[in-house]
Amino acid sequence: MDDLTFPDMHQLGEDRGRGNLLGIEPYMTLQDYASKESFFNKLNSYLLIARREKYMDSKTIILFPEYVGTWLVLAGESETILHAETLQAAERLMVFHHPLEFLSHFLTSREKGRAE
């Protein structure tokens, strides 16, 4: 953990003891989404650094990017899906690996373009 640092940190204002806002934009790799545990460990490492560097206290509000968890859809999937050449290829593989789940969701969805 000692070798972890914030690669690009900007501090605005001064500590007035009323709390702070900490925005973290984590550098994520494909392996970080391979399982819930690896995702948790990656984000937790940033929080541990923030705590170690005293950027966090009980009044800190922490912000992560809006879509940081989007690719958790890949968690627990096969290496074949993780390393698909395109997003469309990965989608097709996921449908083939989970045909009953896909069919169930497809049939109950009322969205336009639900299979696009």
N, C-alpha and C. Protein backbone atom coordinates (compact mmCIF):
# COMPACT_ATOMS: atom_id res chain seq x y z
N MET A 1 0.82 -1.19 0.00
CA MET A 1 0.00 0.00 0.00
C MET A 1 0.87 1.26 0.00
N ASP A 2 2.09 1.18 0.48
CA ASP A 2 2.93 2.36 0.57
C ASP A 2 3.29 2.95 -0.79
N ASP A 3 3.27 2.13 -1.86
CA ASP A 3 3.65 2.63 -3.16
C ASP A 3 2.48 3.29 -3.89
N LEU A 4 1.28 3.26 -3.32
CA LEU A 4 0.12 3.88 -3.94
C LEU A 4 0.08 5.36 -3.63
N THR A 5 -0.17 6.15 -4.66
CA THR A 5 -0.30 7.59 -4.50
C THR A 5 -1.42 8.08 -5.41
N PHE A 6 -1.88 9.28 -5.15
CA PHE A 6 -2.80 9.93 -6.07
C PHE A 6 -1.95 10.49 -7.20
N PRO A 7 -2.17 10.04 -8.43
CA PRO A 7 -1.33 10.50 -9.53
C PRO A 7 -1.50 11.98 -9.84
N ASP A 8 -2.68 12.52 -9.63
CA ASP A 8 -2.94 13.91 -9.99
C ASP A 8 -3.89 14.48 -8.95
N MET A 9 -3.36 15.25 -8.02
CA MET A 9 -4.16 15.74 -6.92
C MET A 9 -4.15 17.26 -6.94
N HIS A 10 -5.34 17.85 -6.81
CA HIS A 10 -5.47 19.30 -6.75
C HIS A 10 -6.22 19.65 -5.49
N GLN A 11 -5.70 20.59 -4.77
CA GLN A 11 -6.35 21.01 -3.53
C GLN A 11 -6.77 22.46 -3.68
N LEU A 12 -8.03 22.73 -3.37
CA LEU A 12 -8.56 24.09 -3.43
C LEU A 12 -9.02 24.50 -2.04
N GLY A 13 -8.81 25.73 -1.70
CA GLY A 13 -9.28 26.22 -0.41
C GLY A 13 -8.35 25.83 0.72
N GLU A 14 -8.85 26.02 1.92
CA GLU A 14 -8.07 25.70 3.11
C GLU A 14 -8.96 24.96 4.10
N ASP A 15 -8.33 24.24 4.99
CA ASP A 15 -9.06 23.46 5.99
C ASP A 15 -9.63 24.40 7.05
N ARG A 16 -10.96 24.44 7.10
CA ARG A 16 -11.64 25.27 8.10
C ARG A 16 -12.37 24.41 9.12
N GLY A 17 -12.17 23.09 9.03
CA GLY A 17 -12.76 22.18 10.00
C GLY A 17 -14.25 21.91 9.80
N ARG A 18 -14.80 22.33 8.67
CA ARG A 18 -16.24 22.13 8.43
C ARG A 18 -16.52 21.00 7.45
N GLY A 19 -15.52 20.26 7.10
CA GLY A 19 -15.69 19.16 6.16
C GLY A 19 -15.08 19.50 4.81
N ASN A 20 -15.05 18.50 3.95
CA ASN A 20 -14.46 18.71 2.64
C ASN A 20 -15.11 17.80 1.62
N LEU A 21 -14.83 18.09 0.37
CA LEU A 21 -15.32 17.32 -0.75
C LEU A 21 -14.12 16.68 -1.42
N LEU A 22 -14.13 15.36 -1.54
CA LEU A 22 -13.02 14.63 -2.14
C LEU A 22 -13.53 13.94 -3.40
N GLY A 23 -13.05 14.37 -4.55
CA GLY A 23 -13.40 13.74 -5.81
C GLY A 23 -12.29 12.80 -6.23
N ILE A 24 -12.65 11.55 -6.52
CA ILE A 24 -11.67 10.55 -6.92
C ILE A 24 -12.04 10.03 -8.30
N GLU A 25 -11.13 10.16 -9.24
CA GLU A 25 -11.33 9.60 -10.58
C GLU A 25 -10.34 8.44 -10.71
N PRO A 26 -10.78 7.23 -10.36
CA PRO A 26 -9.84 6.10 -10.33
C PRO A 26 -9.43 5.65 -11.73
N TYR A 27 -8.21 5.20 -11.83
CA TYR A 27 -7.73 4.58 -13.06
C TYR A 27 -8.11 3.11 -12.98
N MET A 28 -9.04 2.71 -13.84
CA MET A 28 -9.57 1.35 -13.80
C MET A 28 -9.07 0.57 -15.02
N THR A 29 -8.80 -0.71 -14.79
CA THR A 29 -8.40 -1.61 -15.87
C THR A 29 -9.46 -2.71 -16.01
N LEU A 30 -9.36 -3.47 -17.05
CA LEU A 30 -10.30 -4.56 -17.29
C LEU A 30 -10.34 -5.52 -16.11
N GLN A 31 -9.20 -5.82 -15.54
CA GLN A 31 -9.15 -6.76 -14.41
C GLN A 31 -9.86 -6.23 -13.17
N ASP A 32 -9.98 -4.92 -13.06
CA ASP A 32 -10.69 -4.34 -11.91
C ASP A 32 -12.18 -4.67 -11.94
N TYR A 33 -12.68 -5.03 -13.12
CA TYR A 33 -14.10 -5.36 -13.27
C TYR A 33 -14.34 -6.86 -13.37
N ALA A 34 -13.31 -7.66 -13.26
CA ALA A 34 -13.44 -9.11 -13.40
C ALA A 34 -14.23 -9.74 -12.26
N SER A 35 -14.23 -9.09 -11.09
CA SER A 35 -15.00 -9.60 -9.95
C SER A 35 -15.38 -8.44 -9.05
N LYS A 36 -16.38 -8.67 -8.22
CA LYS A 36 -16.78 -7.64 -7.26
C LYS A 36 -15.64 -7.35 -6.30
N GLU A 37 -14.88 -8.39 -5.95
CA GLU A 37 -13.78 -8.22 -5.01
C GLU A 37 -12.68 -7.34 -5.59
N SER A 38 -12.32 -7.56 -6.86
CA SER A 38 -11.26 -6.75 -7.45
C SER A 38 -11.71 -5.29 -7.61
N PHE A 39 -12.99 -5.09 -7.93
CA PHE A 39 -13.54 -3.74 -8.03
C PHE A 39 -13.48 -3.05 -6.66
N PHE A 40 -13.96 -3.74 -5.64
CA PHE A 40 -13.92 -3.20 -4.28
C PHE A 40 -12.49 -2.87 -3.87
N ASN A 41 -11.57 -3.79 -4.10
CA ASN A 41 -10.18 -3.59 -3.69
C ASN A 41 -9.57 -2.36 -4.37
N LYS A 42 -9.88 -2.16 -5.65
CA LYS A 42 -9.32 -1.01 -6.36
C LYS A 42 -9.83 0.29 -5.77
N LEU A 43 -11.16 0.41 -5.60
CA LEU A 43 -11.70 1.64 -5.05
C LEU A 43 -11.28 1.84 -3.60
N ASN A 44 -11.23 0.76 -2.86
CA ASN A 44 -10.81 0.84 -1.46
C ASN A 44 -9.36 1.32 -1.35
N SER A 45 -8.52 0.95 -2.30
CA SER A 45 -7.12 1.40 -2.24
C SER A 45 -7.05 2.93 -2.33
N TYR A 46 -7.91 3.53 -3.15
CA TYR A 46 -7.94 4.99 -3.22
C TYR A 46 -8.41 5.59 -1.90
N LEU A 47 -9.39 4.97 -1.28
CA LEU A 47 -9.88 5.47 0.01
C LEU A 47 -8.82 5.33 1.10
N LEU A 48 -8.08 4.24 1.07
CA LEU A 48 -7.01 4.05 2.05
C LEU A 48 -5.92 5.11 1.89
N ILE A 49 -5.60 5.44 0.65
CA ILE A 49 -4.61 6.49 0.40
C ILE A 49 -5.12 7.82 0.93
N ALA A 50 -6.39 8.11 0.63
CA ALA A 50 -6.98 9.37 1.09
C ALA A 50 -6.95 9.46 2.61
N ARG A 51 -7.26 8.36 3.26
CA ARG A 51 -7.22 8.35 4.73
C ARG A 51 -5.79 8.53 5.23
N ARG A 52 -4.84 7.82 4.61
CA ARG A 52 -3.44 7.92 5.02
C ARG A 52 -2.90 9.34 4.84
N GLU A 53 -3.31 9.99 3.75
CA GLU A 53 -2.84 11.35 3.46
C GLU A 53 -3.66 12.42 4.18
N LYS A 54 -4.62 11.97 5.00
CA LYS A 54 -5.46 12.85 5.80
C LYS A 54 -6.36 13.76 4.94
N TYR A 55 -6.83 13.22 3.82
CA TYR A 55 -7.80 13.93 2.98
C TYR A 55 -9.22 13.62 3.42
N MET A 56 -9.39 12.65 4.31
CA MET A 56 -10.72 12.23 4.74
C MET A 56 -10.87 12.36 6.24
N ASP A 57 -12.07 12.72 6.64
CA ASP A 57 -12.45 12.64 8.04
C ASP A 57 -13.94 12.36 8.10
N SER A 58 -14.54 12.47 9.25
CA SER A 58 -15.95 12.12 9.40
C SER A 58 -16.88 13.08 8.65
N LYS A 59 -16.38 14.23 8.21
CA LYS A 59 -17.20 15.21 7.49
C LYS A 59 -16.93 15.21 5.99
N THR A 60 -16.17 14.27 5.50
CA THR A 60 -15.80 14.23 4.09
C THR A 60 -16.90 13.62 3.24
N ILE A 61 -17.19 14.26 2.14
CA ILE A 61 -18.09 13.71 1.11
C ILE A 61 -17.19 13.26 -0.04
N ILE A 62 -17.34 12.00 -0.44
CA ILE A 62 -16.49 11.43 -1.47
C ILE A 62 -17.29 11.25 -2.75
N LEU A 63 -16.75 11.70 -3.85
CA LEU A 63 -17.39 11.58 -5.15
C LEU A 63 -16.56 10.69 -6.08
N PHE A 64 -17.25 9.77 -6.75
CA PHE A 64 -16.64 8.96 -7.80
C PHE A 64 -17.36 9.29 -9.10
N PRO A 65 -16.74 9.01 -10.24
CA PRO A 65 -17.43 9.25 -11.51
C PRO A 65 -18.76 8.51 -11.57
N GLU A 66 -19.71 9.10 -12.26
CA GLU A 66 -21.07 8.57 -12.33
C GLU A 66 -21.14 7.14 -12.82
N TYR A 67 -20.33 6.78 -13.78
CA TYR A 67 -20.43 5.45 -14.39
C TYR A 67 -19.31 4.50 -13.98
N VAL A 68 -18.66 4.76 -12.86
CA VAL A 68 -17.52 3.93 -12.46
C VAL A 68 -17.89 2.46 -12.32
N GLY A 69 -19.12 2.16 -11.94
CA GLY A 69 -19.54 0.77 -11.74
C GLY A 69 -20.21 0.13 -12.93
N THR A 70 -20.37 0.86 -14.03
CA THR A 70 -21.10 0.34 -15.18
C THR A 70 -20.55 -1.00 -15.66
N TRP A 71 -19.25 -1.12 -15.74
CA TRP A 71 -18.65 -2.34 -16.30
C TRP A 71 -18.63 -3.51 -15.33
N LEU A 72 -19.24 -3.34 -14.16
CA LEU A 72 -19.40 -4.49 -13.26
C LEU A 72 -20.29 -5.56 -13.87
N VAL A 73 -20.97 -5.23 -14.95
CA VAL A 73 -21.74 -6.23 -15.69
C VAL A 73 -20.82 -7.38 -16.12
N LEU A 74 -19.54 -7.13 -16.20
CA LEU A 74 -18.56 -8.16 -16.59
C LEU A 74 -18.11 -9.03 -15.42
N ALA A 75 -18.42 -8.63 -14.20
CA ALA A 75 -17.95 -9.37 -13.02
C ALA A 75 -18.41 -10.82 -13.08
N GLY A 76 -17.46 -11.71 -12.94
CA GLY A 76 -17.76 -13.14 -12.93
C GLY A 76 -17.91 -13.77 -14.30
N GLU A 77 -17.77 -12.97 -15.35
CA GLU A 77 -17.89 -13.53 -16.70
C GLU A 77 -16.58 -14.20 -17.12
N SER A 78 -16.67 -14.97 -18.18
CA SER A 78 -15.50 -15.72 -18.65
C SER A 78 -14.46 -14.79 -19.27
N GLU A 79 -13.24 -15.28 -19.33
CA GLU A 79 -12.15 -14.53 -19.95
C GLU A 79 -12.45 -14.24 -21.41
N THR A 80 -13.20 -15.12 -22.07
CA THR A 80 -13.57 -14.92 -23.47
C THR A 80 -14.35 -13.62 -23.63
N ILE A 81 -15.28 -13.39 -22.73
CA ILE A 81 -16.08 -12.16 -22.78
C ILE A 81 -15.22 -10.95 -22.43
N LEU A 82 -14.39 -11.09 -21.41
CA LEU A 82 -13.54 -9.98 -20.99
C LEU A 82 -12.61 -9.51 -22.10
N HIS A 83 -12.19 -10.43 -22.95
CA HIS A 83 -11.21 -10.10 -23.98
C HIS A 83 -11.81 -10.06 -25.38
N ALA A 84 -13.12 -9.90 -25.47
CA ALA A 84 -13.77 -9.79 -26.78
C ALA A 84 -13.22 -8.58 -27.52
N GLU A 85 -13.16 -8.69 -28.84
CA GLU A 85 -12.59 -7.62 -29.67
C GLU A 85 -13.42 -6.34 -29.64
N THR A 86 -14.75 -6.48 -29.58
CA THR A 86 -15.63 -5.32 -29.61
C THR A 86 -16.71 -5.46 -28.54
N LEU A 87 -17.37 -4.36 -28.26
CA LEU A 87 -18.48 -4.39 -27.32
C LEU A 87 -19.60 -5.28 -27.85
N GLN A 88 -19.87 -5.22 -29.15
CA GLN A 88 -20.91 -6.05 -29.74
C GLN A 88 -20.59 -7.53 -29.61
N ALA A 89 -19.34 -7.89 -29.80
CA ALA A 89 -18.93 -9.29 -29.65
C ALA A 89 -19.11 -9.74 -28.20
N ALA A 90 -18.77 -8.89 -27.26
CA ALA A 90 -18.95 -9.22 -25.84
C ALA A 90 -20.43 -9.38 -25.52
N GLU A 91 -21.26 -8.50 -26.06
CA GLU A 91 -22.71 -8.61 -25.83
C GLU A 91 -23.25 -9.93 -26.35
N ARG A 92 -22.85 -10.30 -27.56
CA ARG A 92 -23.31 -11.57 -28.14
C ARG A 92 -22.87 -12.76 -27.28
N LEU A 93 -21.64 -12.74 -26.85
CA LEU A 93 -21.14 -13.82 -26.00
C LEU A 93 -21.92 -13.92 -24.69
N MET A 94 -22.26 -12.78 -24.13
CA MET A 94 -23.03 -12.79 -22.88
C MET A 94 -24.42 -13.37 -23.10
N VAL A 95 -25.03 -13.05 -24.23
CA VAL A 95 -26.35 -13.62 -24.55
C VAL A 95 -26.24 -15.13 -24.69
N PHE A 96 -25.22 -15.60 -25.39
CA PHE A 96 -25.04 -17.04 -25.59
C PHE A 96 -24.69 -17.77 -24.29
N HIS A 97 -24.00 -17.09 -23.39
CA HIS A 97 -23.66 -17.70 -22.10
C HIS A 97 -24.83 -17.71 -21.11
N HIS A 98 -25.79 -16.83 -21.34
CA HIS A 98 -26.94 -16.70 -20.43
C HIS A 98 -28.25 -16.63 -21.22
N PRO A 99 -28.53 -17.64 -22.03
CA PRO A 99 -29.69 -17.54 -22.93
C PRO A 99 -31.04 -17.44 -22.22
N LEU A 100 -31.23 -18.16 -21.14
CA LEU A 100 -32.52 -18.11 -20.45
C LEU A 100 -32.74 -16.76 -19.76
N GLU A 101 -31.70 -16.24 -19.14
CA GLU A 101 -31.82 -14.92 -18.52
C GLU A 101 -32.11 -13.85 -19.56
N PHE A 102 -31.38 -13.93 -20.68
CA PHE A 102 -31.60 -12.95 -21.75
C PHE A 102 -33.03 -13.04 -22.26
N LEU A 103 -33.48 -14.24 -22.55
CA LEU A 103 -34.82 -14.43 -23.08
C LEU A 103 -35.88 -13.90 -22.10
N SER A 104 -35.70 -14.18 -20.84
CA SER A 104 -36.63 -13.72 -19.82
C SER A 104 -36.72 -12.19 -19.81
N HIS A 105 -35.57 -11.53 -19.81
CA HIS A 105 -35.54 -10.06 -19.79
C HIS A 105 -36.05 -9.49 -21.11
N PHE A 106 -35.71 -10.14 -22.19
CA PHE A 106 -36.14 -9.68 -23.51
C PHE A 106 -37.66 -9.71 -23.61
N LEU A 107 -38.26 -10.80 -23.17
CA LEU A 107 -39.71 -10.95 -23.29
C LEU A 107 -40.49 -10.04 -22.35
N THR A 108 -39.91 -9.67 -21.22
CA THR A 108 -40.62 -8.82 -20.28
C THR A 108 -40.34 -7.33 -20.48
N SER A 109 -39.34 -7.00 -21.28
CA SER A 109 -39.00 -5.61 -21.51
C SER A 109 -40.02 -4.94 -22.43
N ARG A 110 -40.33 -3.71 -22.15
CA ARG A 110 -41.25 -2.94 -22.98
C ARG A 110 -40.52 -1.80 -23.68
N GLU A 111 -39.22 -1.80 -23.60
CA GLU A 111 -38.43 -0.74 -24.19
C GLU A 111 -38.34 -0.89 -25.71
N LYS A 112 -38.33 0.24 -26.41
CA LYS A 112 -38.09 0.21 -27.86
C LYS A 112 -36.62 -0.12 -28.08
N GLY A 113 -36.32 -0.89 -29.10
CA GLY A 113 -34.93 -1.22 -29.41
C GLY A 113 -34.27 -2.08 -28.36
N ARG A 114 -35.04 -2.91 -27.68
CA ARG A 114 -34.52 -3.67 -26.55
C ARG A 114 -33.47 -4.69 -26.91
N ALA A 115 -33.36 -5.09 -28.16
CA ALA A 115 -32.35 -6.08 -28.55
C ALA A 115 -31.30 -5.48 -29.47
N GLU A 116 -31.19 -4.18 -29.49
CA GLU A 116 -30.21 -3.55 -30.38
C GLU A 116 -28.87 -3.47 -29.74
